[in-house]
Amino acid sequence: MGALMTESRFSRLERRVRLLSLYALLVSLAVPVVLLSGFSRRQVPEILRVRGIIVEDSLGRARILIGAPIPYARTRVRTDTARVARIWGKDFPPAYMQKWYPTYRNDMDGVLVLDSNGFDRVAIGQDLPDPNFGRRIAKSTGMLINDSLGFERTGYGLLRVDGKDRVVLGLDQQGGEALTLVVDDAGRVGLTASYRHHSLQLGTSTLPDSTGSSAPVFGLVVRDSGRIVNHATAPLRP
């Protein structure tokens, strides 16, 4: 009888040892998971605070600049005056490098994409760079797309001109503007198509009246070298 009781107690004790061993194994597996999880949360913050980001390609060339303002990149043409003079300066008068280009805005707040040669190709943000052939009439917030030599070919932006907002969508051909859509708070709305010395304007415009002064009109105006050759307009009433 005593032997049976001892065997029964031994069996219960053996089961308890197995349960405790299993429990210890589960705890030993769970603790590292909990610790690693906490460590991962601390190492990957929900908010990343940086002054700027430069994304490089496999050859170490800057390809995407992000910041407010964007960071300096050694391979960017716009900020390398020696390359500017060699690539663009030869096609402009001497005053281009001496007086004009130093006044152009190269910085911006947002994202700038460069090609492998260092030319600005896409800019998205505010206070966008000036074209490489002239200054804007005001700072622009929006998007620009340039060709393979860094010349602006299309852009969409909001500008503040004379205290009023102006929205502009432009499509350029080589050598100048080709199609421009403008809407502003001053009451101007129009679409202008240009080809060589010809231009066609649809929307608000001005025409000489009987007194020789300019009168506001709405309609279609065709010009040749700036001279009005045809129009279908109506007086613009307040």
C-alpha atoms as a PDB file:
ATOM      1  CA  MET A   1       0.000   0.000   0.000  1.00  0.00           C
ATOM      2  CA  GLY A   2       2.777   2.418   0.966  1.00  0.00           C
ATOM      3  CA  ALA A   3       4.604   1.585  -2.247  1.00  0.00           C
ATOM      4  CA  LEU A   4       1.506   2.468  -4.323  1.00  0.00           C
ATOM      5  CA  MET A   5       1.139   5.839  -2.570  1.00  0.00           C
ATOM      6  CA  THR A   6       4.788   6.636  -3.109  1.00  0.00           C
ATOM      7  CA  GLU A   7       4.494   5.764  -6.800  1.00  0.00           C
ATOM      8  CA  SER A   8       1.365   7.975  -7.140  1.00  0.00           C
ATOM      9  CA  ARG A   9       3.096  10.938  -5.507  1.00  0.00           C
ATOM     10  CA  PHE A  10       6.122  10.416  -7.707  1.00  0.00           C
ATOM     11  CA  SER A  11       3.909  10.445 -10.823  1.00  0.00           C
ATOM     12  CA  ARG A  12       2.237  13.708  -9.767  1.00  0.00           C
ATOM     13  CA  LEU A  13       5.608  15.250  -9.019  1.00  0.00           C
ATOM     14  CA  GLU A  14       6.894  14.122 -12.402  1.00  0.00           C
ATOM     15  CA  ARG A  15       3.927  15.764 -14.160  1.00  0.00           C
ATOM     16  CA  ARG A  16       4.506  18.999 -12.245  1.00  0.00           C
ATOM     17  CA  VAL A  17       8.165  19.028 -13.263  1.00  0.00           C
ATOM     18  CA  ARG A  18       7.187  18.567 -16.908  1.00  0.00           C
ATOM     19  CA  LEU A  19       4.655  21.426 -16.665  1.00  0.00           C
ATOM     20  CA  LEU A  20       7.216  23.699 -14.991  1.00  0.00           C
ATOM     21  CA  SER A  21       9.762  22.833 -17.684  1.00  0.00           C
ATOM     22  CA  LEU A  22       7.260  23.666 -20.412  1.00  0.00           C
ATOM     23  CA  TYR A  23       6.372  26.934 -18.666  1.00  0.00           C
ATOM     24  CA  ALA A  24      10.042  27.885 -18.352  1.00  0.00           C
ATOM     25  CA  LEU A  25      10.573  27.170 -22.046  1.00  0.00           C
ATOM     26  CA  LEU A  26       7.646  29.398 -23.033  1.00  0.00           C
ATOM     27  CA  VAL A  27       8.896  32.191 -20.790  1.00  0.00           C
ATOM     28  CA  SER A  28      12.413  31.932 -22.196  1.00  0.00           C
ATOM     29  CA  LEU A  29      11.007  32.281 -25.721  1.00  0.00           C
ATOM     30  CA  ALA A  30       8.649  35.125 -24.878  1.00  0.00           C
ATOM     31  CA  VAL A  31      11.142  37.376 -23.068  1.00  0.00           C
ATOM     32  CA  PRO A  32      13.474  37.936 -26.073  1.00  0.00           C
ATOM     33  CA  VAL A  33      10.476  38.620 -28.314  1.00  0.00           C
ATOM     34  CA  VAL A  34       9.185  41.272 -25.909  1.00  0.00           C
ATOM     35  CA  LEU A  35      12.634  42.853 -25.525  1.00  0.00           C
ATOM     36  CA  LEU A  36      13.279  42.914 -29.264  1.00  0.00           C
ATOM     37  CA  SER A  37       9.853  44.365 -29.896  1.00  0.00           C
ATOM     38  CA  GLY A  38      10.486  47.195 -27.446  1.00  0.00           C
ATOM     39  CA  PHE A  39      13.939  47.809 -28.888  1.00  0.00           C
ATOM     40  CA  SER A  40      12.542  47.972 -32.433  1.00  0.00           C
ATOM     41  CA  ARG A  41       9.914  50.503 -31.425  1.00  0.00           C
ATOM     42  CA  ARG A  42      12.575  52.704 -29.849  1.00  0.00           C
ATOM     43  CA  GLN A  43      14.853  52.480 -32.909  1.00  0.00           C
ATOM     44  CA  VAL A  44      12.129  53.303 -35.469  1.00  0.00           C
ATOM     45  CA  PRO A  45      10.531  56.599 -34.399  1.00  0.00           C
ATOM     46  CA  GLU A  46       7.171  57.616 -35.805  1.00  0.00           C
ATOM     47  CA  ILE A  47       8.574  61.054 -36.756  1.00  0.00           C
ATOM     48  CA  LEU A  48      11.901  61.418 -38.541  1.00  0.00           C
ATOM     49  CA  ARG A  49      13.532  64.843 -38.088  1.00  0.00           C
ATOM     50  CA  VAL A  50      16.270  65.808 -40.560  1.00  0.00           C
ATOM     51  CA  ARG A  51      17.635  69.016 -42.102  1.00  0.00           C
ATOM     52  CA  GLY A  52      17.950  67.513 -45.559  1.00  0.00           C
ATOM     53  CA  ILE A  53      18.195  64.315 -47.563  1.00  0.00           C
ATOM     54  CA  ILE A  54      20.388  63.524 -50.573  1.00  0.00           C
ATOM     55  CA  VAL A  55      19.612  60.359 -52.515  1.00  0.00           C
ATOM     56  CA  GLU A  56      22.589  59.143 -54.572  1.00  0.00           C
ATOM     57  CA  ASP A  57      22.837  56.683 -57.426  1.00  0.00           C
ATOM     58  CA  SER A  58      25.234  53.723 -57.560  1.00  0.00           C
ATOM     59  CA  LEU A  59      28.052  56.014 -58.730  1.00  0.00           C
ATOM     60  CA  GLY A  60      27.660  58.447 -55.842  1.00  0.00           C
ATOM     61  CA  ARG A  61      25.987  61.174 -57.884  1.00  0.00           C
ATOM     62  CA  ALA A  62      23.252  63.204 -56.176  1.00  0.00           C
ATOM     63  CA  ARG A  63      19.912  62.431 -57.839  1.00  0.00           C
ATOM     64  CA  ILE A  64      17.211  63.600 -55.382  1.00  0.00           C
ATOM     65  CA  LEU A  65      17.512  66.555 -53.008  1.00  0.00           C
ATOM     66  CA  ILE A  66      14.950  67.008 -50.223  1.00  0.00           C
ATOM     67  CA  GLY A  67      14.884  69.843 -47.733  1.00  0.00           C
ATOM     68  CA  ALA A  68      13.742  73.307 -46.727  1.00  0.00           C
ATOM     69  CA  PRO A  69      15.865  74.553 -48.327  1.00  0.00           C
ATOM     70  CA  ILE A  70      17.256  71.651 -50.344  1.00  0.00           C
ATOM     71  CA  PRO A  71      20.852  70.698 -49.444  1.00  0.00           C
ATOM     72  CA  TYR A  72      23.861  71.609 -51.574  1.00  0.00           C
ATOM     73  CA  ALA A  73      25.018  68.947 -54.027  1.00  0.00           C
ATOM     74  CA  ARG A  74      28.463  69.107 -55.619  1.00  0.00           C
ATOM     75  CA  THR A  75      27.264  67.521 -58.873  1.00  0.00           C
ATOM     76  CA  ARG A  76      24.374  69.952 -59.425  1.00  0.00           C
ATOM     77  CA  VAL A  77      24.950  72.226 -62.445  1.00  0.00           C
ATOM     78  CA  ARG A  78      22.849  75.152 -61.174  1.00  0.00           C
ATOM     79  CA  THR A  79      25.232  75.836 -58.274  1.00  0.00           C
ATOM     80  CA  ASP A  80      28.479  75.262 -60.202  1.00  0.00           C
ATOM     81  CA  THR A  81      29.175  78.591 -61.927  1.00  0.00           C
ATOM     82  CA  ALA A  82      32.099  77.166 -63.905  1.00  0.00           C
ATOM     83  CA  ARG A  83      29.830  74.571 -65.508  1.00  0.00           C
ATOM     84  CA  VAL A  84      27.070  77.151 -65.980  1.00  0.00           C
ATOM     85  CA  ALA A  85      29.478  79.410 -67.894  1.00  0.00           C
ATOM     86  CA  ARG A  86      30.698  76.509 -70.016  1.00  0.00           C
ATOM     87  CA  ILE A  87      27.272  75.000 -70.794  1.00  0.00           C
ATOM     88  CA  TRP A  88      24.846  77.955 -70.874  1.00  0.00           C
ATOM     89  CA  GLY A  89      26.988  81.071 -70.765  1.00  0.00           C
ATOM     90  CA  LYS A  90      28.347  80.605 -74.280  1.00  0.00           C
ATOM     91  CA  ASP A  91      24.852  81.077 -75.726  1.00  0.00           C
ATOM     92  CA  PHE A  92      24.154  84.365 -73.893  1.00  0.00           C
ATOM     93  CA  PRO A  93      25.740  87.834 -73.826  1.00  0.00           C
ATOM     94  CA  PRO A  94      28.668  88.426 -71.399  1.00  0.00           C
ATOM     95  CA  ALA A  95      26.262  90.101 -68.969  1.00  0.00           C
ATOM     96  CA  TYR A  96      24.617  86.705 -68.407  1.00  0.00           C
ATOM     97  CA  MET A  97      27.405  85.470 -66.133  1.00  0.00           C
ATOM     98  CA  GLN A  98      28.544  88.878 -64.923  1.00  0.00           C
ATOM     99  CA  LYS A  99      25.228  90.413 -63.885  1.00  0.00           C
ATOM    100  CA  TRP A 100      22.201  88.260 -64.569  1.00  0.00           C
ATOM    101  CA  TYR A 101      22.911  84.707 -63.435  1.00  0.00           C
ATOM    102  CA  PRO A 102      24.223  85.670 -59.953  1.00  0.00           C
ATOM    103  CA  THR A 103      20.768  87.092 -59.173  1.00  0.00           C
ATOM    104  CA  TYR A 104      18.842  83.927 -60.107  1.00  0.00           C
ATOM    105  CA  ARG A 105      17.280  81.830 -57.362  1.00  0.00           C
ATOM    106  CA  ASN A 106      18.701  78.290 -57.176  1.00  0.00           C
ATOM    107  CA  ASP A 107      17.302  77.198 -53.800  1.00  0.00           C
ATOM    108  CA  MET A 108      13.825  75.868 -53.074  1.00  0.00           C
ATOM    109  CA  ASP A 109      11.811  74.177 -50.337  1.00  0.00           C
ATOM    110  CA  GLY A 110      10.694  70.720 -51.386  1.00  0.00           C
ATOM    111  CA  VAL A 111      11.960  67.965 -53.687  1.00  0.00           C
ATOM    112  CA  LEU A 112      14.358  68.383 -56.603  1.00  0.00           C
ATOM    113  CA  VAL A 113      15.210  65.552 -59.010  1.00  0.00           C
ATOM    114  CA  LEU A 114      18.533  65.714 -60.896  1.00  0.00           C
ATOM    115  CA  ASP A 115      19.569  63.630 -63.869  1.00  0.00           C
ATOM    116  CA  SER A 116      22.878  61.771 -64.084  1.00  0.00           C
ATOM    117  CA  ASN A 117      24.559  64.881 -65.534  1.00  0.00           C
ATOM    118  CA  GLY A 118      23.504  67.137 -62.676  1.00  0.00           C
ATOM    119  CA  PHE A 119      20.772  69.094 -64.480  1.00  0.00           C
ATOM    120  CA  ASP A 120      17.562  70.016 -62.642  1.00  0.00           C
ATOM    121  CA  ARG A 121      14.769  67.919 -64.175  1.00  0.00           C
ATOM    122  CA  VAL A 122      11.777  68.010 -61.783  1.00  0.00           C
ATOM    123  CA  ALA A 123      11.122  70.430 -58.921  1.00  0.00           C
ATOM    124  CA  ILE A 124       8.122  70.215 -56.586  1.00  0.00           C
ATOM    125  CA  GLY A 125       7.619  72.596 -53.671  1.00  0.00           C
ATOM    126  CA  GLN A 126       7.565  76.280 -52.829  1.00  0.00           C
ATOM    127  CA  ASP A 127       9.883  79.159 -53.765  1.00  0.00           C
ATOM    128  CA  LEU A 128      10.919  77.180 -56.847  1.00  0.00           C
ATOM    129  CA  PRO A 129      14.181  77.959 -58.701  1.00  0.00           C
ATOM    130  CA  ASP A 130      14.187  80.628 -61.393  1.00  0.00           C
ATOM    131  CA  PRO A 131      14.557  79.527 -65.009  1.00  0.00           C
ATOM    132  CA  ASN A 132      18.208  79.453 -66.055  1.00  0.00           C
ATOM    133  CA  PHE A 133      17.523  82.288 -68.517  1.00  0.00           C
ATOM    134  CA  GLY A 134      15.719  84.829 -66.329  1.00  0.00           C
ATOM    135  CA  ARG A 135      14.073  85.668 -63.016  1.00  0.00           C
ATOM    136  CA  ARG A 136      10.420  85.046 -62.259  1.00  0.00           C
ATOM    137  CA  ILE A 137       8.184  88.013 -61.554  1.00  0.00           C
ATOM    138  CA  ALA A 138       7.448  86.433 -58.149  1.00  0.00           C
ATOM    139  CA  LYS A 139       8.187  83.320 -56.105  1.00  0.00           C
ATOM    140  CA  SER A 140       6.248  80.279 -57.292  1.00  0.00           C
ATOM    141  CA  THR A 141       4.722  77.337 -55.440  1.00  0.00           C
ATOM    142  CA  GLY A 142       4.057  74.297 -57.615  1.00  0.00           C
ATOM    143  CA  MET A 143       5.937  72.042 -60.047  1.00  0.00           C
ATOM    144  CA  LEU A 144       8.529  72.474 -62.809  1.00  0.00           C
ATOM    145  CA  ILE A 145       9.784  70.066 -65.469  1.00  0.00           C
ATOM    146  CA  ASN A 146      13.003  70.837 -67.395  1.00  0.00           C
ATOM    147  CA  ASP A 147      14.568  69.334 -70.508  1.00  0.00           C
ATOM    148  CA  SER A 148      17.861  67.448 -70.697  1.00  0.00           C
ATOM    149  CA  LEU A 149      19.875  70.699 -70.576  1.00  0.00           C
ATOM    150  CA  GLY A 150      18.012  72.139 -67.613  1.00  0.00           C
ATOM    151  CA  PHE A 151      15.778  74.551 -69.564  1.00  0.00           C
ATOM    152  CA  GLU A 152      12.224  74.843 -68.262  1.00  0.00           C
ATOM    153  CA  ARG A 153       9.665  73.204 -70.596  1.00  0.00           C
ATOM    154  CA  THR A 154       6.527  73.142 -68.468  1.00  0.00           C
ATOM    155  CA  GLY A 155       5.383  74.322 -65.088  1.00  0.00           C
ATOM    156  CA  TYR A 156       2.337  74.812 -62.919  1.00  0.00           C
ATOM    157  CA  GLY A 157       2.499  77.331 -60.139  1.00  0.00           C
ATOM    158  CA  LEU A 158       0.812  79.798 -57.822  1.00  0.00           C
ATOM    159  CA  LEU A 159       2.450  83.227 -57.579  1.00  0.00           C
ATOM    160  CA  ARG A 160       1.724  86.345 -55.534  1.00  0.00           C
ATOM    161  CA  VAL A 161       1.892  89.337 -57.878  1.00  0.00           C
ATOM    162  CA  ASP A 162       1.066  92.878 -56.724  1.00  0.00           C
ATOM    163  CA  GLY A 163      -0.723  91.501 -53.682  1.00  0.00           C
ATOM    164  CA  LYS A 164      -2.958  89.141 -55.683  1.00  0.00           C
ATOM    165  CA  ASP A 165      -2.728  85.413 -56.367  1.00  0.00           C
ATOM    166  CA  ARG A 166      -2.022  84.231 -59.910  1.00  0.00           C
ATOM    167  CA  VAL A 167      -2.218  80.631 -61.154  1.00  0.00           C
ATOM    168  CA  VAL A 168      -0.160  79.839 -64.240  1.00  0.00           C
ATOM    169  CA  LEU A 169       0.183  76.703 -66.364  1.00  0.00           C
ATOM    170  CA  GLY A 170       2.835  76.988 -69.054  1.00  0.00           C
ATOM    171  CA  LEU A 171       4.100  74.747 -71.840  1.00  0.00           C
ATOM    172  CA  ASP A 172       7.279  75.933 -73.547  1.00  0.00           C
ATOM    173  CA  GLN A 173       8.891  75.085 -76.830  1.00  0.00           C
ATOM    174  CA  GLN A 174      12.560  75.513 -77.568  1.00  0.00           C
ATOM    175  CA  GLY A 175      13.163  79.233 -77.480  1.00  0.00           C
ATOM    176  CA  GLY A 176      10.169  80.417 -75.491  1.00  0.00           C
ATOM    177  CA  GLU A 177       6.594  80.038 -74.318  1.00  0.00           C
ATOM    178  CA  ALA A 178       4.169  78.156 -76.553  1.00  0.00           C
ATOM    179  CA  LEU A 179       0.971  77.765 -74.531  1.00  0.00           C
ATOM    180  CA  THR A 180       0.060  79.624 -71.333  1.00  0.00           C
ATOM    181  CA  LEU A 181      -3.057  79.448 -69.187  1.00  0.00           C
ATOM    182  CA  VAL A 182      -3.453  82.212 -66.599  1.00  0.00           C
ATOM    183  CA  VAL A 183      -6.079  82.932 -63.942  1.00  0.00           C
ATOM    184  CA  ASP A 184      -5.620  85.581 -61.259  1.00  0.00           C
ATOM    185  CA  ASP A 185      -7.507  87.496 -58.589  1.00  0.00           C
ATOM    186  CA  ALA A 186      -7.231  90.718 -60.613  1.00  0.00           C
ATOM    187  CA  GLY A 187      -9.830  89.376 -63.040  1.00  0.00           C
ATOM    188  CA  ARG A 188      -7.432  88.104 -65.675  1.00  0.00           C
ATOM    189  CA  VAL A 189      -8.284  84.799 -67.314  1.00  0.00           C
ATOM    190  CA  GLY A 190      -6.868  83.653 -70.602  1.00  0.00           C
ATOM    191  CA  LEU A 191      -5.216  81.110 -72.837  1.00  0.00           C
ATOM    192  CA  THR A 192      -2.359  82.306 -75.063  1.00  0.00           C
ATOM    193  CA  ALA A 193      -0.848  80.250 -77.897  1.00  0.00           C
ATOM    194  CA  SER A 194       2.383  81.523 -79.479  1.00  0.00           C
ATOM    195  CA  TYR A 195       4.335  80.378 -82.536  1.00  0.00           C
ATOM    196  CA  ARG A 196       7.277  82.397 -83.806  1.00  0.00           C
ATOM    197  CA  HIS A 197       5.930  85.948 -84.261  1.00  0.00           C
ATOM    198  CA  HIS A 198       2.258  84.892 -84.156  1.00  0.00           C
ATOM    199  CA  SER A 199       0.059  84.778 -81.061  1.00  0.00           C
ATOM    200  CA  LEU A 200      -3.547  83.961 -80.296  1.00  0.00           C
ATOM    201  CA  GLN A 201      -5.179  85.030 -77.061  1.00  0.00           C
ATOM    202  CA  LEU A 202      -8.517  83.729 -75.796  1.00  0.00           C
ATOM    203  CA  GLY A 203     -10.071  85.343 -72.731  1.00  0.00           C
ATOM    204  CA  THR A 204      -9.616  88.793 -71.212  1.00  0.00           C
ATOM    205  CA  SER A 205      -7.458  91.283 -73.072  1.00  0.00           C
ATOM    206  CA  THR A 206      -7.264  94.964 -74.031  1.00  0.00           C
ATOM    207  CA  LEU A 207      -7.888  96.690 -77.351  1.00  0.00           C
ATOM    208  CA  PRO A 208      -7.445 100.319 -78.400  1.00  0.00           C
ATOM    209  CA  ASP A 209     -10.721 102.213 -78.272  1.00  0.00           C
ATOM    210  CA  SER A 210     -11.854 105.245 -80.269  1.00  0.00           C
ATOM    211  CA  THR A 211      -9.876 107.565 -78.027  1.00  0.00           C
ATOM    212  CA  GLY A 212      -6.638 105.642 -78.529  1.00  0.00           C
ATOM    213  CA  SER A 213      -6.508 104.291 -74.976  1.00  0.00           C
ATOM    214  CA  SER A 214      -6.821 100.620 -74.041  1.00  0.00           C
ATOM    215  CA  ALA A 215     -10.230  99.169 -73.243  1.00  0.00           C
ATOM    216  CA  PRO A 216     -10.797  95.770 -71.565  1.00  0.00           C
ATOM    217  CA  VAL A 217     -12.456  93.158 -73.757  1.00  0.00           C
ATOM    218  CA  PHE A 218     -13.308  89.465 -73.690  1.00  0.00           C
ATOM    219  CA  GLY A 219     -12.912  87.183 -76.670  1.00  0.00           C
ATOM    220  CA  LEU A 220     -10.336  86.170 -79.276  1.00  0.00           C
ATOM    221  CA  VAL A 221      -7.383  88.335 -80.339  1.00  0.00           C
ATOM    222  CA  VAL A 222      -4.829  87.399 -83.028  1.00  0.00           C
ATOM    223  CA  ARG A 223      -1.513  89.247 -83.221  1.00  0.00           C
ATOM    224  CA  ASP A 224       1.418  89.250 -85.632  1.00  0.00           C
ATOM    225  CA  SER A 225       4.661  90.605 -84.135  1.00  0.00           C
ATOM    226  CA  GLY A 226       2.569  92.256 -81.442  1.00  0.00           C
ATOM    227  CA  ARG A 227       0.240  93.966 -83.937  1.00  0.00           C
ATOM    228  CA  ILE A 228      -3.462  93.064 -83.794  1.00  0.00           C
ATOM    229  CA  VAL A 229      -4.531  91.537 -87.139  1.00  0.00           C
ATOM    230  CA  ASN A 230      -7.917  90.104 -86.179  1.00  0.00           C
ATOM    231  CA  HIS A 231     -10.227  89.844 -83.234  1.00  0.00           C
ATOM    232  CA  ALA A 232     -13.692  88.739 -82.170  1.00  0.00           C
ATOM    233  CA  THR A 233     -14.329  90.405 -78.849  1.00  0.00           C
ATOM    234  CA  ALA A 234     -16.940  92.095 -76.731  1.00  0.00           C
ATOM    235  CA  PRO A 235     -16.442  94.962 -74.243  1.00  0.00           C
ATOM    236  CA  LEU A 236     -15.769  93.693 -70.765  1.00  0.00           C
ATOM    237  CA  ARG A 237     -18.411  95.145 -68.461  1.00  0.00           C
ATOM    238  CA  PRO A 238     -17.834  95.498 -64.691  1.00  0.00           C
END
